[in-house]
Every structure is written in structure tokens, then in C-alpha cells.
Amino acid sequence: MTKLRPHQREAVDAVTAALQGPAAGTAPRVRAPTQVVTATGSGNLRSSRRAHAN
């Protein structure tokens, strides 16, 4: 896999953290629709593939 740029790594980390939800046992986990908005040319496909792999 290709190396992510710093802003892409930050975005992947933020999305991954947001999708992890609360700590186990504190609340039921509910899968909600999620949308990530990024600027054109910022490596959207590369970042989304990496986030999906996590």
C-alpha cells in the first residue's frame, strides 16, 4: 500500500476513532450512516481505502 501524506493519515485516524464508538460495555454499538467530506485532489480514494482496511 502507498504511504499516506500527513493530512491523509490524520483523516484516517480521525475516522477510525469516530467509528470505534464507546468503550465496550458502556453503551450498545449502533452502526450509523457515515459521511466523510474532503477536498478534491486531497487523496480521497487513497485515504478511504486505508480507513476501510483498518
PDB file of N, CA and C in Angstrom:
ATOM      1  N   MET A   1       0.842  -1.176   0.000  1.00  0.00           N
ATOM      2  CA  MET A   1       0.000   0.000   0.000  1.00  0.00           C
ATOM      3  C   MET A   1       0.891   1.245   0.000  1.00  0.00           C
ATOM      4  N   THR A   2       0.427   2.308  -0.620  1.00  0.00           N
ATOM      5  CA  THR A   2       1.231   3.518  -0.708  1.00  0.00           C
ATOM      6  C   THR A   2       1.234   4.264   0.618  1.00  0.00           C
ATOM      7  N   LYS A   3       2.261   5.068   0.809  1.00  0.00           N
ATOM      8  CA  LYS A   3       2.397   5.838   2.046  1.00  0.00           C
ATOM      9  C   LYS A   3       1.449   7.043   2.008  1.00  0.00           C
ATOM     10  N   LEU A   4       0.734   7.255   3.098  1.00  0.00           N
ATOM     11  CA  LEU A   4      -0.185   8.389   3.181  1.00  0.00           C
ATOM     12  C   LEU A   4       0.553   9.668   3.534  1.00  0.00           C
ATOM     13  N   ARG A   5       0.038  10.775   3.047  1.00  0.00           N
ATOM     14  CA  ARG A   5       0.564  12.091   3.429  1.00  0.00           C
ATOM     15  C   ARG A   5       0.064  12.409   4.837  1.00  0.00           C
ATOM     16  N   PRO A   6       0.701  13.356   5.524  1.00  0.00           N
ATOM     17  CA  PRO A   6       0.296  13.663   6.903  1.00  0.00           C
ATOM     18  C   PRO A   6      -1.188  14.001   7.053  1.00  0.00           C
ATOM     19  N   HIS A   7      -1.746  14.795   6.149  1.00  0.00           N
ATOM     20  CA  HIS A   7      -3.166  15.148   6.289  1.00  0.00           C
ATOM     21  C   HIS A   7      -4.075  13.946   6.034  1.00  0.00           C
ATOM     22  N   GLN A   8      -3.621  13.012   5.211  1.00  0.00           N
ATOM     23  CA  GLN A   8      -4.395  11.805   4.963  1.00  0.00           C
ATOM     24  C   GLN A   8      -4.360  10.889   6.185  1.00  0.00           C
ATOM     25  N   ARG A   9      -3.193  10.756   6.786  1.00  0.00           N
ATOM     26  CA  ARG A   9      -3.043   9.933   7.992  1.00  0.00           C
ATOM     27  C   ARG A   9      -3.928  10.487   9.114  1.00  0.00           C
ATOM     28  N   GLU A  10      -3.951  11.808   9.255  1.00  0.00           N
ATOM     29  CA  GLU A  10      -4.786  12.452  10.272  1.00  0.00           C
ATOM     30  C   GLU A  10      -6.265  12.160  10.026  1.00  0.00           C
ATOM     31  N   ALA A  11      -6.683  12.222   8.772  1.00  0.00           N
ATOM     32  CA  ALA A  11      -8.080  11.946   8.431  1.00  0.00           C
ATOM     33  C   ALA A  11      -8.436  10.483   8.714  1.00  0.00           C
ATOM     34  N   VAL A  12      -7.579   9.571   8.335  1.00  0.00           N
ATOM     35  CA  VAL A  12      -7.826   8.147   8.578  1.00  0.00           C
ATOM     36  C   VAL A  12      -7.912   7.877  10.076  1.00  0.00           C
ATOM     37  N   ASP A  13      -7.022   8.451  10.856  1.00  0.00           N
ATOM     38  CA  ASP A  13      -7.042   8.260  12.306  1.00  0.00           C
ATOM     39  C   ASP A  13      -8.327   8.810  12.922  1.00  0.00           C
ATOM     40  N   ALA A  14      -8.774   9.979  12.452  1.00  0.00           N
ATOM     41  CA  ALA A  14      -9.994  10.595  12.987  1.00  0.00           C
ATOM     42  C   ALA A  14     -11.226   9.757  12.644  1.00  0.00           C
ATOM     43  N   VAL A  15     -11.306   9.279  11.416  1.00  0.00           N
ATOM     44  CA  VAL A  15     -12.450   8.461  11.004  1.00  0.00           C
ATOM     45  C   VAL A  15     -12.462   7.144  11.772  1.00  0.00           C
ATOM     46  N   THR A  16     -11.313   6.518  11.884  1.00  0.00           N
ATOM     47  CA  THR A  16     -11.221   5.249  12.603  1.00  0.00           C
ATOM     48  C   THR A  16     -11.638   5.415  14.056  1.00  0.00           C
ATOM     49  N   ALA A  17     -11.179   6.479  14.707  1.00  0.00           N
ATOM     50  CA  ALA A  17     -11.541   6.732  16.108  1.00  0.00           C
ATOM     51  C   ALA A  17     -13.037   6.992  16.248  1.00  0.00           C
ATOM     52  N   ALA A  18     -13.603   7.751  15.335  1.00  0.00           N
ATOM     53  CA  ALA A  18     -15.032   8.073  15.403  1.00  0.00           C
ATOM     54  C   ALA A  18     -15.896   6.829  15.204  1.00  0.00           C
ATOM     55  N   LEU A  19     -15.463   5.916  14.370  1.00  0.00           N
ATOM     56  CA  LEU A  19     -16.254   4.726  14.083  1.00  0.00           C
ATOM     57  C   LEU A  19     -16.105   3.634  15.141  1.00  0.00           C
ATOM     58  N   GLN A  20     -15.114   3.753  16.011  1.00  0.00           N
ATOM     59  CA  GLN A  20     -14.929   2.749  17.050  1.00  0.00           C
ATOM     60  C   GLN A  20     -16.014   2.830  18.112  1.00  0.00           C
ATOM     61  N   GLY A  21     -16.575   4.007  18.325  1.00  0.00           N
ATOM     62  CA  GLY A  21     -17.664   4.156  19.279  1.00  0.00           C
ATOM     63  C   GLY A  21     -17.195   4.113  20.717  1.00  0.00           C
ATOM     64  N   PRO A  22     -18.147   3.984  21.641  1.00  0.00           N
ATOM     65  CA  PRO A  22     -17.821   3.985  23.070  1.00  0.00           C
ATOM     66  C   PRO A  22     -17.099   2.714  23.493  1.00  0.00           C
ATOM     67  N   ALA A  23     -16.526   2.760  24.680  1.00  0.00           N
ATOM     68  CA  ALA A  23     -15.817   1.601  25.210  1.00  0.00           C
ATOM     69  C   ALA A  23     -16.781   0.433  25.372  1.00  0.00           C
ATOM     70  N   ALA A  24     -16.274  -0.761  25.246  1.00  0.00           N
ATOM     71  CA  ALA A  24     -17.109  -1.962  25.349  1.00  0.00           C
ATOM     72  C   ALA A  24     -17.836  -1.998  26.685  1.00  0.00           C
ATOM     73  N   GLY A  25     -19.111  -2.325  26.637  1.00  0.00           N
ATOM     74  CA  GLY A  25     -19.895  -2.457  27.861  1.00  0.00           C
ATOM     75  C   GLY A  25     -20.537  -1.178  28.356  1.00  0.00           C
ATOM     76  N   THR A  26     -20.245  -0.025  27.748  1.00  0.00           N
ATOM     77  CA  THR A  26     -20.817   1.224  28.245  1.00  0.00           C
ATOM     78  C   THR A  26     -22.090   1.616  27.517  1.00  0.00           C
ATOM     79  N   ALA A  27     -22.258   1.189  26.294  1.00  0.00           N
ATOM     80  CA  ALA A  27     -23.464   1.510  25.529  1.00  0.00           C
ATOM     81  C   ALA A  27     -23.549   0.552  24.352  1.00  0.00           C
ATOM     82  N   PRO A  28     -24.754   0.279  23.885  1.00  0.00           N
ATOM     83  CA  PRO A  28     -24.855  -0.595  22.702  1.00  0.00           C
ATOM     84  C   PRO A  28     -24.254   0.079  21.480  1.00  0.00           C
ATOM     85  N   ARG A  29     -23.574  -0.695  20.666  1.00  0.00           N
ATOM     86  CA  ARG A  29     -22.957  -0.158  19.449  1.00  0.00           C
ATOM     87  C   ARG A  29     -23.999  -0.138  18.333  1.00  0.00           C
ATOM     88  N   VAL A  30     -24.198   1.004  17.749  1.00  0.00           N
ATOM     89  CA  VAL A  30     -25.159   1.172  16.672  1.00  0.00           C
ATOM     90  C   VAL A  30     -24.398   1.645  15.442  1.00  0.00           C
ATOM     91  N   ARG A  31     -24.606   0.981  14.323  1.00  0.00           N
ATOM     92  CA  ARG A  31     -23.962   1.406  13.082  1.00  0.00           C
ATOM     93  C   ARG A  31     -24.805   2.495  12.445  1.00  0.00           C
ATOM     94  N   ALA A  32     -24.271   3.684  12.385  1.00  0.00           N
ATOM     95  CA  ALA A  32     -24.973   4.808  11.780  1.00  0.00           C
ATOM     96  C   ALA A  32     -24.335   5.135  10.438  1.00  0.00           C
ATOM     97  N   PRO A  33     -25.117   5.662   9.504  1.00  0.00           N
ATOM     98  CA  PRO A  33     -24.525   6.088   8.234  1.00  0.00           C
ATOM     99  C   PRO A  33     -23.431   7.122   8.493  1.00  0.00           C
ATOM    100  N   THR A  34     -22.371   7.034   7.751  1.00  0.00           N
ATOM    101  CA  THR A  34     -21.237   7.920   7.959  1.00  0.00           C
ATOM    102  C   THR A  34     -20.830   8.559   6.645  1.00  0.00           C
ATOM    103  N   GLN A  35     -20.470   9.824   6.715  1.00  0.00           N
ATOM    104  CA  GLN A  35     -20.013  10.537   5.524  1.00  0.00           C
ATOM    105  C   GLN A  35     -18.765  11.327   5.890  1.00  0.00           C
ATOM    106  N   VAL A  36     -17.744  11.214   5.067  1.00  0.00           N
ATOM    107  CA  VAL A  36     -16.510  11.962   5.257  1.00  0.00           C
ATOM    108  C   VAL A  36     -16.365  12.900   4.063  1.00  0.00           C
ATOM    109  N   VAL A  37     -16.182  14.180   4.337  1.00  0.00           N
ATOM    110  CA  VAL A  37     -16.085  15.180   3.280  1.00  0.00           C
ATOM    111  C   VAL A  37     -14.649  15.685   3.223  1.00  0.00           C
ATOM    112  N   THR A  38     -14.051  15.604   2.027  1.00  0.00           N
ATOM    113  CA  THR A  38     -12.687  16.087   1.836  1.00  0.00           C
ATOM    114  C   THR A  38     -12.608  16.873   0.527  1.00  0.00           C
ATOM    115  N   ALA A  39     -11.574  17.651   0.412  1.00  0.00           N
ATOM    116  CA  ALA A  39     -11.398  18.482  -0.782  1.00  0.00           C
ATOM    117  C   ALA A  39     -10.961  17.647  -1.976  1.00  0.00           C
ATOM    118  N   THR A  40     -11.319  18.092  -3.149  1.00  0.00           N
ATOM    119  CA  THR A  40     -10.897  17.451  -4.388  1.00  0.00           C
ATOM    120  C   THR A  40      -9.369  17.472  -4.475  1.00  0.00           C
ATOM    121  N   GLY A  41      -8.796  16.362  -4.872  1.00  0.00           N
ATOM    122  CA  GLY A  41      -7.351  16.292  -5.040  1.00  0.00           C
ATOM    123  C   GLY A  41      -6.574  16.043  -3.755  1.00  0.00           C
ATOM    124  N   SER A  42      -7.282  15.731  -2.661  1.00  0.00           N
ATOM    125  CA  SER A  42      -6.585  15.529  -1.387  1.00  0.00           C
ATOM    126  C   SER A  42      -6.280  14.062  -1.111  1.00  0.00           C
ATOM    127  N   GLY A  43      -6.509  13.207  -2.089  1.00  0.00           N
ATOM    128  CA  GLY A  43      -6.212  11.786  -1.907  1.00  0.00           C
ATOM    129  C   GLY A  43      -7.383  11.037  -1.296  1.00  0.00           C
ATOM    130  N   ASN A  44      -8.602  11.374  -1.718  1.00  0.00           N
ATOM    131  CA  ASN A  44      -9.806  10.771  -1.142  1.00  0.00           C
ATOM    132  C   ASN A  44      -9.808   9.252  -1.247  1.00  0.00           C
ATOM    133  N   LEU A  45      -9.531   8.723  -2.420  1.00  0.00           N
ATOM    134  CA  LEU A  45      -9.575   7.286  -2.631  1.00  0.00           C
ATOM    135  C   LEU A  45      -8.515   6.584  -1.790  1.00  0.00           C
ATOM    136  N   ARG A  46      -7.335   7.102  -1.776  1.00  0.00           N
ATOM    137  CA  ARG A  46      -6.243   6.501  -1.005  1.00  0.00           C
ATOM    138  C   ARG A  46      -6.584   6.492   0.487  1.00  0.00           C
ATOM    139  N   SER A  47      -7.116   7.605   0.987  1.00  0.00           N
ATOM    140  CA  SER A  47      -7.468   7.692   2.406  1.00  0.00           C
ATOM    141  C   SER A  47      -8.623   6.773   2.745  1.00  0.00           C
ATOM    142  N   SER A  48      -9.645   6.728   1.903  1.00  0.00           N
ATOM    143  CA  SER A  48     -10.799   5.887   2.206  1.00  0.00           C
ATOM    144  C   SER A  48     -10.442   4.407   2.165  1.00  0.00           C
ATOM    145  N   ARG A  49      -9.581   4.017   1.253  1.00  0.00           N
ATOM    146  CA  ARG A  49      -9.154   2.621   1.210  1.00  0.00           C
ATOM    147  C   ARG A  49      -8.393   2.243   2.481  1.00  0.00           C
ATOM    148  N   ARG A  50      -7.551   3.144   2.957  1.00  0.00           N
ATOM    149  CA  ARG A  50      -6.794   2.861   4.176  1.00  0.00           C
ATOM    150  C   ARG A  50      -7.721   2.791   5.388  1.00  0.00           C
ATOM    151  N   ALA A  51      -8.697   3.706   5.465  1.00  0.00           N
ATOM    152  CA  ALA A  51      -9.640   3.689   6.588  1.00  0.00           C
ATOM    153  C   ALA A  51     -10.464   2.407   6.565  1.00  0.00           C
ATOM    154  N   HIS A  52     -10.857   1.970   5.371  1.00  0.00           N
ATOM    155  CA  HIS A  52     -11.651   0.761   5.240  1.00  0.00           C
ATOM    156  C   HIS A  52     -10.833  -0.458   5.682  1.00  0.00           C
ATOM    157  N   ALA A  53      -9.556  -0.448   5.413  1.00  0.00           N
ATOM    158  CA  ALA A  53      -8.689  -1.565   5.772  1.00  0.00           C
ATOM    159  C   ALA A  53      -8.497  -1.686   7.288  1.00  0.00           C
ATOM    160  N   ASN A  54      -8.639  -0.544   7.981  1.00  0.00           N
ATOM    161  CA  ASN A  54      -8.490  -0.565   9.451  1.00  0.00           C
ATOM    162  C   ASN A  54      -9.717  -1.186  10.009  1.00  0.00           C
TER     163      ASN A  54
END
